[in-house]
C-alpha atoms as a PDB file:
ATOM      1  CA  MET A   1      73.016  96.404 141.097  1.00  0.00           C
ATOM      2  CA  ILE A   2      70.148  98.817 140.607  1.00  0.00           C
ATOM      3  CA  HIS A   3      69.970  99.356 136.838  1.00  0.00           C
ATOM      4  CA  MET A   4      68.163 102.525 135.881  1.00  0.00           C
ATOM      5  CA  GLN A   5      67.195 102.621 132.220  1.00  0.00           C
ATOM      6  CA  LYS A   6      69.536 104.361 129.765  1.00  0.00           C
ATOM      7  CA  CYS A   7      72.320 104.930 132.289  1.00  0.00           C
ATOM      8  CA  ALA A   8      75.019 102.400 131.220  1.00  0.00           C
ATOM      9  CA  GLY A   9      73.680  99.607 133.398  1.00  0.00           C
ATOM     10  CA  THR A  10      73.877  97.077 130.561  1.00  0.00           C
ATOM     11  CA  ALA A  11      77.594  97.749 130.048  1.00  0.00           C
ATOM     12  CA  PHE A  12      78.156  97.445 133.797  1.00  0.00           C
ATOM     13  CA  ALA A  13      76.089  94.255 134.158  1.00  0.00           C
ATOM     14  CA  LYS A  14      77.582  92.515 131.138  1.00  0.00           C
ATOM     15  CA  SER A  15      81.104  93.272 132.351  1.00  0.00           C
ATOM     16  CA  ILE A  16      80.252  91.517 135.633  1.00  0.00           C
ATOM     17  CA  ILE A  17      78.513  88.584 133.916  1.00  0.00           C
ATOM     18  CA  ARG A  18      81.520  88.006 131.610  1.00  0.00           C
ATOM     19  CA  ARG A  19      83.779  87.608 134.652  1.00  0.00           C
ATOM     20  CA  GLN A  20      81.293  86.051 137.074  1.00  0.00           C
ATOM     21  CA  PRO A  21      78.913  83.864 135.042  1.00  0.00           C
ATOM     22  CA  ASP A  22      77.440  82.383 138.238  1.00  0.00           C
ATOM     23  CA  ALA A  23      76.209  85.815 139.414  1.00  0.00           C
ATOM     24  CA  LEU A  24      72.465  86.205 139.929  1.00  0.00           C
ATOM     25  CA  TYR A  25      71.117  88.618 137.326  1.00  0.00           C
ATOM     26  CA  TRP A  26      67.993  89.302 135.290  1.00  0.00           C
ATOM     27  CA  GLY A  27      68.089  90.053 131.568  1.00  0.00           C
ATOM     28  CA  TYR A  28      71.169  90.726 129.397  1.00  0.00           C
ATOM     29  CA  ASP A  29      71.413  87.241 127.838  1.00  0.00           C
ATOM     30  CA  PRO A  30      69.107  84.248 127.187  1.00  0.00           C
ATOM     31  CA  GLU A  31      69.649  82.775 130.676  1.00  0.00           C
ATOM     32  CA  GLY A  32      68.962  86.111 132.344  1.00  0.00           C
ATOM     33  CA  GLU A  33      65.852  86.680 130.215  1.00  0.00           C
ATOM     34  CA  LEU A  34      64.481  83.295 131.343  1.00  0.00           C
ATOM     35  CA  ARG A  35      65.207  84.268 134.943  1.00  0.00           C
ATOM     36  CA  SER A  36      63.382  87.568 134.368  1.00  0.00           C
ATOM     37  CA  LYS A  37      60.269  85.706 133.221  1.00  0.00           C
ATOM     38  CA  ALA A  38      60.447  83.335 136.189  1.00  0.00           C
ATOM     39  CA  TRP A  39      60.906  86.139 138.737  1.00  0.00           C
ATOM     40  CA  ALA A  40      58.295  88.428 137.188  1.00  0.00           C
ATOM     41  CA  SER A  41      55.666  86.904 139.467  1.00  0.00           C
ATOM     42  CA  ILE A  42      57.355  88.589 142.445  1.00  0.00           C
ATOM     43  CA  GLY A  43      57.989  91.768 140.478  1.00  0.00           C
ATOM     44  CA  LEU A  44      61.735  91.523 139.851  1.00  0.00           C
ATOM     45  CA  TRP A  45      63.428  92.257 136.558  1.00  0.00           C
ATOM     46  CA  LYS A  46      66.614  93.970 135.418  1.00  0.00           C
ATOM     47  CA  HIS A  47      65.164  97.455 135.959  1.00  0.00           C
ATOM     48  CA  SER A  48      63.694  96.843 139.422  1.00  0.00           C
ATOM     49  CA  THR A  49      64.057  99.683 141.895  1.00  0.00           C
ATOM     50  CA  ALA A  50      65.997  99.273 145.117  1.00  0.00           C
ATOM     51  CA  TYR A  51      62.735  99.256 147.068  1.00  0.00           C
ATOM     52  CA  GLU A  52      61.219  96.541 144.863  1.00  0.00           C
ATOM     53  CA  ILE A  53      64.279  94.361 145.460  1.00  0.00           C
ATOM     54  CA  TYR A  54      64.271  95.228 149.175  1.00  0.00           C
ATOM     55  CA  ASN A  55      60.685  93.972 149.432  1.00  0.00           C
ATOM     56  CA  ALA A  56      61.313  90.784 147.416  1.00  0.00           C
ATOM     57  CA  VAL A  57      64.485  89.312 148.913  1.00  0.00           C
ATOM     58  CA  PRO A  58      65.130  88.003 152.430  1.00  0.00           C
ATOM     59  CA  ARG A  59      66.390  90.760 154.754  1.00  0.00           C
ATOM     60  CA  LYS A  60      69.614  88.803 155.415  1.00  0.00           C
ATOM     61  CA  THR A  61      70.337  88.739 151.670  1.00  0.00           C
ATOM     62  CA  TRP A  62      69.567  92.443 151.325  1.00  0.00           C
ATOM     63  CA  ASN A  63      71.719  93.438 154.288  1.00  0.00           C
ATOM     64  CA  ALA A  64      74.695  91.360 153.079  1.00  0.00           C
ATOM     65  CA  ALA A  65      74.592  92.777 149.549  1.00  0.00           C
ATOM     66  CA  TYR A  66      76.545  95.789 148.322  1.00  0.00           C
ATOM     67  CA  LYS A  67      73.881  97.849 146.582  1.00  0.00           C
ATOM     68  CA  VAL A  68      74.895 100.248 143.837  1.00  0.00           C
ATOM     69  CA  LEU A  69      72.945 102.432 141.403  1.00  0.00           C
ATOM     70  CA  VAL A  70      74.264 102.326 137.860  1.00  0.00           C
ATOM     71  CA  SER A  71      74.228 105.125 137.135  1.00  0.00           C
ATOM     72  CA  ALA A  72      73.238 108.662 137.964  1.00  0.00           C
ATOM     73  CA  ARG A  73      72.764 110.538 134.698  1.00  0.00           C
ATOM     74  CA  HIS A  74      71.428 114.063 134.279  1.00  0.00           C
ATOM     75  CA  PRO A  75      67.643 113.826 133.808  1.00  0.00           C
ATOM     76  CA  VAL A  76      67.558 115.668 130.478  1.00  0.00           C
ATOM     77  CA  GLU A  77      70.227 113.414 128.910  1.00  0.00           C
ATOM     78  CA  ARG A  78      68.646 110.318 130.448  1.00  0.00           C
ATOM     79  CA  THR A  79      65.144 111.234 129.263  1.00  0.00           C
ATOM     80  CA  LEU A  80      66.228 111.962 125.694  1.00  0.00           C
ATOM     81  CA  SER A  81      68.222 108.723 125.510  1.00  0.00           C
ATOM     82  CA  HIS A  82      65.348 106.742 127.023  1.00  0.00           C
ATOM     83  CA  TYR A  83      62.893 108.272 124.558  1.00  0.00           C
ATOM     84  CA  ALA A  84      65.111 107.491 121.546  1.00  0.00           C
ATOM     85  CA  HIS A  85      65.553 103.925 122.813  1.00  0.00           C
ATOM     86  CA  TYR A  86      61.798 103.409 123.098  1.00  0.00           C
ATOM     87  CA  VAL A  87      61.096 104.921 119.684  1.00  0.00           C
ATOM     88  CA  HIS A  88      63.791 102.798 118.040  1.00  0.00           C
ATOM     89  CA  LYS A  89      63.698  99.471 119.881  1.00  0.00           C
ATOM     90  CA  HIS A  90      60.062  99.292 120.943  1.00  0.00           C
ATOM     91  CA  LYS A  91      58.678 101.166 117.914  1.00  0.00           C
ATOM     92  CA  LEU A  92      56.974 103.588 120.274  1.00  0.00           C
ATOM     93  CA  ASP A  93      54.654 105.958 118.438  1.00  0.00           C
ATOM     94  CA  MET A  94      54.634 108.757 120.997  1.00  0.00           C
ATOM     95  CA  SER A  95      55.786 112.351 121.028  1.00  0.00           C
ATOM     96  CA  LEU A  96      58.525 113.411 123.428  1.00  0.00           C
ATOM     97  CA  HIS A  97      55.929 115.533 125.244  1.00  0.00           C
ATOM     98  CA  THR A  98      53.687 112.505 125.809  1.00  0.00           C
ATOM     99  CA  PHE A  99      56.673 110.344 126.808  1.00  0.00           C
ATOM    100  CA  ILE A 100      57.795 112.861 129.444  1.00  0.00           C
ATOM    101  CA  HIS A 101      54.307 112.814 130.958  1.00  0.00           C
ATOM    102  CA  SER A 102      53.987 109.004 130.818  1.00  0.00           C
ATOM    103  CA  SER A 103      54.775 106.145 133.175  1.00  0.00           C
ATOM    104  CA  HIS A 104      57.849 105.323 131.048  1.00  0.00           C
ATOM    105  CA  LEU A 105      59.749 108.117 132.774  1.00  0.00           C
ATOM    106  CA  SER A 106      61.370 107.423 136.157  1.00  0.00           C
ATOM    107  CA  THR A 107      63.427 109.511 138.529  1.00  0.00           C
ATOM    108  CA  ILE A 108      66.586 108.549 140.399  1.00  0.00           C
ATOM    109  CA  GLN A 109      64.693 109.145 143.632  1.00  0.00           C
ATOM    110  CA  GLN A 110      62.173 106.458 142.620  1.00  0.00           C
ATOM    111  CA  TYR A 111      65.030 104.035 141.942  1.00  0.00           C
ATOM    112  CA  ILE A 112      67.074 104.434 145.129  1.00  0.00           C
ATOM    113  CA  THR A 113      64.796 105.505 147.981  1.00  0.00           C
ATOM    114  CA  SER A 114      62.127 103.937 150.143  1.00  0.00           C
ATOM    115  CA  PRO A 115      58.691 105.581 150.365  1.00  0.00           C
ATOM    116  CA  ASP A 116      59.869 107.461 153.479  1.00  0.00           C
ATOM    117  CA  GLY A 117      62.818 108.922 151.540  1.00  0.00           C
ATOM    118  CA  ALA A 118      65.629 106.773 152.974  1.00  0.00           C
ATOM    119  CA  ILE A 119      68.404 106.060 150.485  1.00  0.00           C
ATOM    120  CA  LEU A 120      68.638 102.285 150.042  1.00  0.00           C
ATOM    121  CA  VAL A 121      71.878 101.979 148.070  1.00  0.00           C
ATOM    122  CA  ASP A 122      75.449 101.897 149.343  1.00  0.00           C
ATOM    123  CA  ASP A 123      76.965 103.593 146.305  1.00  0.00           C
ATOM    124  CA  ILE A 124      75.973 105.614 143.262  1.00  0.00           C
ATOM    125  CA  VAL A 125      78.063 105.447 140.112  1.00  0.00           C
ATOM    126  CA  MET A 126      77.981 108.648 138.098  1.00  0.00           C
ATOM    127  CA  PHE A 127      77.317 108.265 134.357  1.00  0.00           C
ATOM    128  CA  ASP A 128      80.218 110.521 133.425  1.00  0.00           C
ATOM    129  CA  GLN A 129      82.577 108.630 135.772  1.00  0.00           C
ATOM    130  CA  LEU A 130      81.833 104.983 134.940  1.00  0.00           C
ATOM    131  CA  GLU A 131      85.425 103.726 135.091  1.00  0.00           C
ATOM    132  CA  GLU A 132      86.006 105.340 138.492  1.00  0.00           C
ATOM    133  CA  GLY A 133      82.699 103.972 139.738  1.00  0.00           C
ATOM    134  CA  LEU A 134      83.539 100.500 138.492  1.00  0.00           C
ATOM    135  CA  ALA A 135      86.888 100.634 140.304  1.00  0.00           C
ATOM    136  CA  ARG A 136      85.125 101.687 143.520  1.00  0.00           C
ATOM    137  CA  VAL A 137      82.555  98.887 143.199  1.00  0.00           C
ATOM    138  CA  ARG A 138      85.350  96.366 142.574  1.00  0.00           C
ATOM    139  CA  LYS A 139      87.182  97.582 145.676  1.00  0.00           C
ATOM    140  CA  ASN A 140      84.071  97.250 147.842  1.00  0.00           C
ATOM    141  CA  THR A 141      82.949  93.866 146.491  1.00  0.00           C
ATOM    142  CA  ALA A 142      86.178  92.020 145.616  1.00  0.00           C
ATOM    143  CA  LEU A 143      85.037  91.607 142.008  1.00  0.00           C
ATOM    144  CA  PRO A 144      87.780  90.686 139.542  1.00  0.00           C
ATOM    145  CA  ALA A 145      89.095  93.209 137.027  1.00  0.00           C
ATOM    146  CA  LEU A 146      86.265  94.209 134.712  1.00  0.00           C
ATOM    147  CA  GLU A 147      86.233  95.827 131.305  1.00  0.00           C
ATOM    148  CA  LEU A 148      83.400  98.124 130.275  1.00  0.00           C
ATOM    149  CA  LYS A 149      82.233  97.859 126.688  1.00  0.00           C
ATOM    150  CA  ILE A 150      79.768 100.325 125.218  1.00  0.00           C
ATOM    151  CA  GLU A 151      76.350  98.712 124.802  1.00  0.00           C
ATOM    152  CA  ASN A 152      73.065  99.769 123.203  1.00  0.00           C
ATOM    153  CA  GLN A 153      74.440 102.593 121.079  1.00  0.00           C
ATOM    154  CA  ASN A 154      72.793 102.884 117.713  1.00  0.00           C
ATOM    155  CA  ARG A 155      72.956 105.324 114.825  1.00  0.00           C
ATOM    156  CA  LYS A 156      69.165 105.321 114.476  1.00  0.00           C
ATOM    157  CA  LYS A 157      68.783 106.562 118.051  1.00  0.00           C
ATOM    158  CA  THR A 158      71.188 109.386 117.247  1.00  0.00           C
ATOM    159  CA  ASP A 159      69.088 110.228 114.188  1.00  0.00           C
ATOM    160  CA  ILE A 160      65.924 110.272 116.315  1.00  0.00           C
ATOM    161  CA  LEU A 161      67.540 112.674 118.778  1.00  0.00           C
ATOM    162  CA  SER A 162      68.767 114.956 115.998  1.00  0.00           C
ATOM    163  CA  THR A 163      65.150 115.683 115.063  1.00  0.00           C
ATOM    164  CA  THR A 164      63.694 115.769 118.582  1.00  0.00           C
ATOM    165  CA  VAL A 165      63.086 119.086 120.315  1.00  0.00           C
ATOM    166  CA  LEU A 166      62.603 119.401 124.065  1.00  0.00           C
ATOM    167  CA  GLU A 167      60.128 122.258 124.401  1.00  0.00           C
ATOM    168  CA  GLN A 168      60.414 124.695 127.337  1.00  0.00           C
ATOM    169  CA  PRO A 169      57.160 123.597 129.058  1.00  0.00           C
ATOM    170  CA  ASP A 170      58.371 119.975 128.957  1.00  0.00           C
ATOM    171  CA  LEU A 171      61.789 120.986 130.248  1.00  0.00           C
ATOM    172  CA  ARG A 172      60.145 122.839 133.155  1.00  0.00           C
ATOM    173  CA  TYR A 173      57.989 119.792 133.927  1.00  0.00           C
ATOM    174  CA  LEU A 174      61.009 117.464 133.754  1.00  0.00           C
ATOM    175  CA  LYS A 175      62.945 119.734 136.119  1.00  0.00           C
ATOM    176  CA  SER A 176      60.014 119.795 138.535  1.00  0.00           C
ATOM    177  CA  ILE A 177      59.665 116.009 138.777  1.00  0.00           C
ATOM    178  CA  CYS A 178      63.455 115.568 138.954  1.00  0.00           C
ATOM    179  CA  ARG A 179      64.017 118.361 141.511  1.00  0.00           C
ATOM    180  CA  TRP A 180      65.278 115.889 144.163  1.00  0.00           C
ATOM    181  CA  GLU A 181      68.058 114.512 141.969  1.00  0.00           C
ATOM    182  CA  LEU A 182      69.007 117.926 140.593  1.00  0.00           C
ATOM    183  CA  ASN A 183      69.475 119.129 144.180  1.00  0.00           C
ATOM    184  CA  TYR A 184      71.071 115.909 145.489  1.00  0.00           C
ATOM    185  CA  PHE A 185      73.753 115.801 142.783  1.00  0.00           C
ATOM    186  CA  GLY A 186      74.127 119.569 142.423  1.00  0.00           C
ATOM    187  CA  TRP A 187      73.268 119.453 138.726  1.00  0.00           C
ATOM    188  CA  GLU A 188      72.345 122.531 136.758  1.00  0.00           C
ATOM    189  CA  ALA A 189      68.623 122.574 136.104  1.00  0.00           C
END
C-alpha cells in the first residue's frame, strides 16, 4: 500500500492490520514504528513512494505484490489537511504560503510514478470512494472483510483550517505543481 499523507491511508492500513496482524507494515502501532526505525536505513517508512519501495525490495517481491495508492485526494483538500496536521501534531510554526512552497508538500505523481513517468501502482483508491476502493482491493488481494474507521480527525485541526486562507497566488502555484494529477483524474482546478 502506498500511503500518501492525509489521504485516509491510516484508516486503510489499520483496517488491514486488525484483520491480518502478520502483514508487513511500517508505522501505525508500536511494532510498526519499530519496523520503521529499522528500515529507515534503506529509506522505507509508512509514507514511502512507490518508486522508493520499488528500489528497496527484491524485484520478485515487487512484481508479486498488488500495489495500491491510498488515496487520491484533490490537491487543495489534501494540502489544507496536511498543513493543519503539521501545525497541530508537529507544532509547525509555518504559514500556509511557506508550507505550500516547502518540501512537506508532495504530489500524487511523485507518489505513484517512476522518474520516466511510468505508473507503478496497480490501483488507485479515490478519497471520496474509500469503501468502494476497499472492496476492490479486497477482491484483488483476497483480504478478509475489513472495516474502515475514521482516524486522525481532530477538532483542533478543524479550528486551524477555519482560520487559514489559501491566497490566490498560492492556489495558482499549487495548481501548477499538481497539474498532472488534476489532468489525470479530471479534477476541477
